[in-house]
Protein backbone atom coordinates (compact mmCIF):
# COMPACT_ATOMS: atom_id res chain seq x y z
CA MET A 1 -5.46 7.91 18.17
CA THR A 2 -1.77 7.99 19.07
CA PHE A 3 0.95 7.84 16.43
CA LEU A 4 4.73 7.57 16.31
CA LEU A 5 6.41 8.95 13.19
CA ILE A 6 9.96 7.89 12.44
CA GLY A 7 11.62 10.68 10.52
CA GLY A 8 8.66 13.05 10.60
CA THR A 9 10.49 16.38 10.22
CA GLY A 10 11.22 16.35 6.50
CA PHE A 11 9.27 17.25 3.39
CA ILE A 12 6.54 14.60 3.61
CA GLY A 13 6.73 13.94 7.34
CA ARG A 14 5.92 17.49 8.38
CA ALA A 15 2.82 17.52 6.13
CA VAL A 16 1.62 14.26 7.68
CA THR A 17 2.30 15.52 11.20
CA GLN A 18 0.30 18.69 10.64
CA ARG A 19 -2.61 16.75 9.23
CA LEU A 20 -2.70 14.31 12.14
CA VAL A 21 -2.57 17.09 14.73
CA ASP A 22 -5.29 19.04 12.94
CA ALA A 23 -7.48 15.94 13.19
CA GLY A 24 -6.95 15.77 16.95
CA HIS A 25 -4.51 12.87 17.12
CA ALA A 26 -1.56 12.60 19.52
CA VAL A 27 1.74 12.57 17.62
CA THR A 28 5.30 11.76 18.64
CA VAL A 29 8.04 12.45 16.10
CA PHE A 30 11.25 10.44 16.44
CA HIS A 31 14.19 12.02 14.62
CA ARG A 32 17.89 12.80 14.91
CA GLY A 33 17.36 16.42 15.93
CA GLU A 34 19.37 17.72 12.98
CA THR A 35 16.38 19.59 11.54
CA SER A 36 13.93 21.68 13.52
CA PRO A 37 11.09 22.80 11.25
CA SER A 38 8.18 24.61 12.84
CA ARG A 39 5.50 22.18 13.96
CA PRO A 40 2.45 22.22 16.22
CA ASN A 41 3.06 22.57 19.94
CA ALA A 42 0.99 19.44 20.48
CA VAL A 43 3.70 17.28 18.89
CA THR A 44 6.09 15.40 21.18
CA SER A 45 9.63 15.27 19.86
CA ARG A 46 12.14 12.53 20.70
CA HIS A 47 15.71 12.60 19.43
CA GLY A 48 17.74 9.55 18.55
CA ASP A 49 19.29 7.39 15.87
CA ARG A 50 16.81 4.97 14.35
CA ASN A 51 19.69 2.55 13.74
CA ASP A 52 20.13 2.17 17.51
CA PRO A 53 17.54 -0.49 18.51
CA GLU A 54 17.57 0.41 22.20
CA VAL A 55 16.84 4.08 21.51
CA LEU A 56 14.12 3.18 19.03
CA ARG A 57 12.58 0.72 21.51
CA ASP A 58 12.50 3.42 24.19
CA ALA A 59 10.73 5.79 21.78
CA LEU A 60 8.12 3.14 21.03
CA ASP A 61 7.56 2.40 24.70
CA ALA A 62 7.24 6.09 25.59
CA ALA A 63 4.80 6.86 22.77
CA ALA A 64 2.70 3.69 23.16
CA PRO A 65 1.32 4.31 19.65
CA ASP A 66 -1.77 2.83 18.09
CA ALA A 67 0.15 2.92 14.81
CA VAL A 68 3.69 3.65 13.62
CA LEU A 69 4.57 5.46 10.41
CA ASP A 70 8.08 4.88 9.07
CA VAL A 71 8.70 7.82 6.74
CA ILE A 72 12.31 6.84 6.00
CA PRO A 73 12.75 3.05 5.81
CA TYR A 74 15.72 2.85 3.44
CA THR A 75 17.38 -0.50 4.17
CA GLU A 76 16.51 -4.10 4.87
CA ALA A 77 18.24 -3.91 8.25
CA GLN A 78 16.19 -0.88 9.31
CA ALA A 79 12.92 -2.55 8.34
CA LYS A 80 13.87 -5.82 10.04
CA ALA A 81 14.76 -4.07 13.30
CA LEU A 82 11.60 -1.98 13.29
CA THR A 83 9.21 -4.85 12.63
CA ARG A 84 10.81 -6.84 15.44
CA LEU A 85 10.53 -3.91 17.87
CA CYS A 86 6.93 -3.16 16.88
CA ALA A 87 5.74 -6.59 17.94
CA ASP A 88 3.53 -6.17 21.06
CA ARG A 89 4.16 -2.39 20.99
CA THR A 90 1.67 -1.23 18.35
CA ASP A 91 -1.31 -2.48 16.39
CA ARG A 92 -0.32 -1.18 12.96
CA LEU A 93 2.76 -0.27 10.93
CA VAL A 94 2.72 1.88 7.79
CA ALA A 95 5.89 2.06 5.70
CA LEU A 96 6.58 4.50 2.87
CA SER A 97 7.98 2.79 -0.18
CA SER A 98 8.47 3.93 -3.77
CA GLY A 99 7.56 3.19 -7.35
CA ASP A 100 11.20 2.23 -7.82
CA VAL A 101 10.33 -1.27 -6.56
CA TYR A 102 8.80 -2.08 -9.95
CA ARG A 103 10.75 -3.94 -12.63
CA GLN A 104 9.97 -1.03 -14.91
CA TYR A 105 12.43 1.10 -12.93
CA ASP A 106 15.30 -1.18 -13.94
CA GLY A 107 14.40 -0.65 -17.58
CA LEU A 108 14.18 3.11 -17.09
CA ARG A 109 17.69 3.32 -15.66
CA GLY A 110 19.15 0.90 -18.20
CA ALA A 111 19.70 -1.98 -15.77
CA SER A 112 17.43 -4.32 -17.76
CA ASP A 113 16.32 -4.71 -21.35
CA HIS A 114 13.05 -6.54 -20.63
CA GLU A 115 10.00 -5.55 -22.63
CA PRO A 116 8.23 -2.58 -20.98
CA ASP A 117 5.43 -3.67 -18.66
CA PRO A 118 1.88 -2.50 -19.41
CA ILE A 119 0.90 0.79 -17.81
CA PRO A 120 -0.46 1.97 -15.53
CA LEU A 121 1.47 -0.28 -13.16
CA SER A 122 -0.85 -1.92 -10.64
CA GLU A 123 0.30 -3.03 -7.20
CA ASP A 124 0.63 -6.53 -8.68
CA ALA A 125 2.95 -5.48 -11.52
CA PRO A 126 6.35 -7.27 -11.66
CA LEU A 127 8.89 -6.08 -9.11
CA ARG A 128 12.62 -5.65 -9.50
CA THR A 129 14.71 -8.77 -9.02
CA SER A 130 17.88 -6.67 -9.00
CA ARG A 131 19.06 -5.22 -5.71
CA TYR A 132 20.52 -1.95 -4.41
CA PRO A 133 19.69 0.36 -7.34
CA HIS A 134 21.89 3.23 -6.11
CA ARG A 135 24.95 1.18 -5.18
CA GLY A 136 27.98 2.39 -7.12
CA ALA A 137 25.98 5.07 -8.92
CA GLY A 138 27.71 8.00 -7.21
CA THR A 139 24.49 9.06 -5.51
CA ASP A 140 25.00 11.67 -2.77
CA PHE A 141 22.89 9.84 -0.20
CA ALA A 142 23.96 8.35 3.14
CA TYR A 143 22.22 5.02 2.54
CA ALA A 144 22.95 4.70 -1.18
CA HIS A 145 24.99 1.52 -0.71
CA ASP A 146 22.23 -0.41 1.07
CA TYR A 147 19.07 1.36 -0.10
CA ASP A 148 16.45 -1.03 -1.46
CA LYS A 149 12.73 -0.57 -0.98
CA THR A 150 11.97 -4.06 -2.31
CA LEU A 151 13.86 -5.54 0.65
CA VAL A 152 12.17 -3.09 3.00
CA GLU A 153 8.78 -4.22 1.75
CA GLU A 154 9.67 -7.90 2.20
CA GLN A 155 10.63 -7.34 5.85
CA VAL A 156 7.59 -5.20 6.65
CA ARG A 157 5.17 -7.55 4.93
CA THR A 158 6.39 -10.64 6.79
CA GLY A 159 6.52 -9.05 10.27
CA ASP A 160 4.14 -9.88 13.11
CA VAL A 161 2.45 -6.45 13.06
CA PRO A 162 -0.22 -5.85 10.39
CA ALA A 163 1.53 -3.57 7.91
CA THR A 164 0.54 -1.21 5.12
CA ILE A 165 2.93 -0.36 2.29
CA LEU A 166 2.52 2.88 0.36
CA ARG A 167 4.40 3.20 -2.92
CA LEU A 168 4.86 6.90 -3.48
CA PRO A 169 5.27 8.80 -6.76
CA LYS A 170 7.52 11.79 -7.43
CA VAL A 171 6.29 14.11 -4.68
CA TYR A 172 6.45 17.86 -5.29
CA GLY A 173 5.45 20.96 -3.38
CA PRO A 174 6.82 23.56 -0.96
CA HIS A 175 9.92 22.37 0.97
CA ASP A 176 10.79 19.75 -1.66
CA SER A 177 14.54 19.35 -1.17
CA GLN A 178 14.83 17.57 -4.52
CA HIS A 179 13.13 20.48 -6.30
CA HIS A 180 11.21 18.42 -8.83
CA VAL A 181 9.37 21.49 -10.07
CA GLY A 182 12.44 23.67 -9.58
CA GLY A 183 14.40 21.35 -11.83
CA ALA A 184 11.76 21.67 -14.52
CA LEU A 185 11.85 25.46 -14.19
CA ALA A 186 15.63 25.51 -14.49
CA ARG A 187 15.50 23.36 -17.61
CA LEU A 188 12.86 25.58 -19.19
CA ARG A 189 14.79 28.75 -18.42
CA LYS A 190 17.99 27.28 -19.82
CA ALA A 191 16.19 26.30 -23.02
CA GLY A 192 15.02 29.86 -23.63
CA ASP A 193 12.51 30.19 -26.45
CA ALA A 194 12.17 26.47 -27.22
CA LEU A 195 12.70 23.24 -25.32
CA VAL A 196 13.12 20.42 -27.84
CA LEU A 197 12.42 16.85 -26.68
CA SER A 198 12.79 13.50 -28.34
CA GLU A 199 9.48 11.91 -29.27
CA ALA A 200 10.13 9.20 -26.67
CA GLU A 201 10.77 11.66 -23.83
CA ALA A 202 7.79 13.81 -24.79
CA GLN A 203 5.46 10.83 -24.36
CA TRP A 204 7.14 9.35 -21.25
CA ARG A 205 5.14 9.33 -17.99
CA TRP A 206 6.03 9.21 -14.31
CA SER A 207 3.33 9.54 -11.65
CA ARG A 208 3.54 12.63 -9.46
CA GLY A 209 1.76 13.78 -6.32
CA TYR A 210 1.42 17.08 -4.50
CA VAL A 211 2.74 16.82 -0.95
CA THR A 212 -0.53 17.83 0.75
CA ASN A 213 -2.48 15.23 -1.23
CA VAL A 214 0.15 12.56 -0.59
CA ALA A 215 -0.01 13.35 3.13
CA ALA A 216 -3.79 12.90 3.02
CA ALA A 217 -3.32 9.46 1.45
CA ILE A 218 -0.82 8.50 4.14
CA VAL A 219 -3.15 9.59 6.93
CA ALA A 220 -6.00 7.65 5.34
CA ALA A 221 -3.86 4.52 5.46
CA LEU A 222 -2.80 5.21 9.06
CA THR A 223 -6.31 5.71 10.39
CA ASP A 224 -8.38 3.21 8.38
CA PRO A 225 -8.17 -0.43 9.55
CA VAL A 226 -9.14 -1.52 6.04
CA ALA A 227 -5.56 -0.66 5.02
CA ALA A 228 -4.00 -3.33 7.25
CA ARG A 229 -1.91 -5.84 5.28
CA ARG A 230 -2.51 -3.95 2.02
CA THR A 231 -0.19 -2.31 -0.51
CA TYR A 232 -1.22 0.88 -2.29
CA ASN A 233 0.14 3.01 -5.10
CA VAL A 234 -0.17 6.73 -4.39
CA GLY A 235 -0.20 9.50 -6.99
CA GLU A 236 -2.33 11.73 -9.13
CA PRO A 237 -5.00 9.88 -11.12
CA ASP A 238 -3.36 10.70 -14.45
CA ALA A 239 0.36 10.48 -15.03
CA LEU A 240 1.01 13.32 -17.45
CA PRO A 241 3.31 12.89 -20.46
CA GLN A 242 6.60 14.70 -19.94
CA ALA A 243 5.80 17.32 -22.58
CA THR A 244 2.43 18.09 -20.99
CA TRP A 245 3.97 18.36 -17.51
CA LEU A 246 6.64 20.79 -18.73
CA ARG A 247 4.07 22.89 -20.59
CA ARG A 248 1.96 23.21 -17.46
CA VAL A 249 4.95 24.24 -15.37
CA ALA A 250 5.88 26.82 -18.01
CA GLU A 251 2.33 28.19 -18.14
CA VAL A 252 2.04 28.55 -14.36
CA ALA A 253 5.46 30.22 -14.20
CA GLY A 254 4.56 32.61 -17.02
CA LEU A 255 7.38 31.40 -19.26
CA ASP A 256 7.08 31.72 -23.04
CA THR A 257 9.14 28.61 -23.74
CA THR A 258 7.73 26.50 -26.56
CA ILE A 259 7.95 22.75 -25.97
CA ARG A 260 8.14 20.58 -29.06
CA THR A 261 9.79 17.47 -30.45
CA GLY A 262 12.60 17.55 -32.94
CA PRO A 263 15.64 15.75 -34.37
CA LYS A 264 18.52 14.73 -32.12
CA ASP A 265 20.79 17.62 -33.10
CA GLU A 266 18.11 20.09 -31.92
CA GLN A 267 17.16 18.36 -28.68
CA SER A 268 17.83 20.01 -25.33
CA ASP A 269 19.80 18.30 -22.57
CA ALA A 270 17.81 15.46 -20.99
CA PRO A 271 18.39 12.99 -18.14
CA PRO A 272 20.09 9.77 -19.34
CA LEU A 273 17.00 7.59 -19.06
CA HIS A 274 15.40 4.94 -21.26
CA TRP A 275 12.12 6.62 -22.10
CA ALA A 276 10.28 3.49 -23.28
CA TYR A 277 9.79 2.53 -19.63
CA ASP A 278 6.94 4.60 -18.20
CA MET A 279 6.55 4.86 -14.43
CA ALA A 280 2.81 5.56 -14.43
CA LEU A 281 1.13 4.05 -11.36
CA ASP A 282 -2.41 2.70 -11.13
CA THR A 283 -3.91 4.37 -8.04
CA ARG A 284 -7.44 2.96 -8.22
CA ARG A 285 -6.99 0.61 -5.27
CA ILE A 286 -6.45 3.33 -2.65
CA ARG A 287 -9.26 5.39 -4.15
CA THR A 288 -11.68 2.47 -4.00
CA GLU A 289 -10.73 0.86 -0.68
CA LEU A 290 -9.90 3.99 1.36
CA LYS A 291 -12.15 6.44 -0.52
CA PHE A 292 -9.14 8.66 -1.15
CA ALA A 293 -9.38 11.71 -3.40
CA GLU A 294 -7.09 14.72 -3.85
CA GLU A 295 -8.06 17.87 -1.95
CA ILE A 296 -5.76 20.23 -3.87
CA SER A 297 -6.23 20.43 -7.63
CA HIS A 298 -3.28 19.91 -9.96
CA GLN A 299 -3.43 23.56 -11.02
CA GLN A 300 -3.46 24.83 -7.43
CA ALA A 301 -0.62 22.48 -6.54
CA LEU A 302 1.59 23.80 -9.35
CA VAL A 303 0.81 27.42 -8.51
CA ARG A 304 1.77 26.93 -4.86
CA THR A 305 4.92 25.03 -5.77
CA VAL A 306 6.13 27.53 -8.36
CA LEU A 307 5.60 30.39 -5.88
CA TRP A 308 7.67 28.56 -3.27
CA GLU A 309 10.43 27.74 -5.77
CA ARG A 310 10.66 31.42 -6.70
CA GLU A 311 10.97 32.39 -3.06
CA GLU A 312 13.73 29.84 -2.66
């Protein structure tokens, strides 16, 4: 098969690209040319701004893809332009979304005081009715003002090309620019002998996924026609409580930090989140319909990630 990846040079995109090439597929990566990670010689690279419809149209025409993967659909305008251009140019569109589309995310960040939704959150769980979650939040991100995956999903879902939406978890692994595991390591090292959590934070859950496993899920959705017009949560089968996650990171890193709960005056610094709102995703649909299963165990994933973080 032939694929066009929009934004395929970053953390997740390069893992997907490698997997597609290894499987014998023809891959064109459309990106701005600002990053040049090593990638297979078989990959065709096209440079351009995805916000320029003529340049994006030319990339689509040149690649003539069986399916398009949009790794970086951040805004409603981007999704609207892409779905319009994909009409008559490809048979399938797969768009990467996020668990932040769920109403639960508003509760987590203090933008809503609704009762927490039951977990794990299925693909049919209530979505945010608020818009632009990063607007005015001081986020260092080029599209912070207009970022909204709920609007992206609406545009992709109503387009003429059969689309698949993948709601990703916190993705970790080598080359993670957000350093999800690195941040945990830094917090553990700062805490020293003991990291003290509130009871609420200790029990809080957010689904995670190792980048190689997440890439495998994305490729499954790209190559299986069953995925057309479907929405899937992606992530590890069990969303670990925060305390358990931190203990596992500490164990793999060989740190002697004890993790326990305690009174407020003993608690270590924590992100300003509302811990009653878990972000645990129900991933049974993709496992059942696409027969997806992780290839890399959780233990192996943490070992590889900690080694990379240390090298960094």
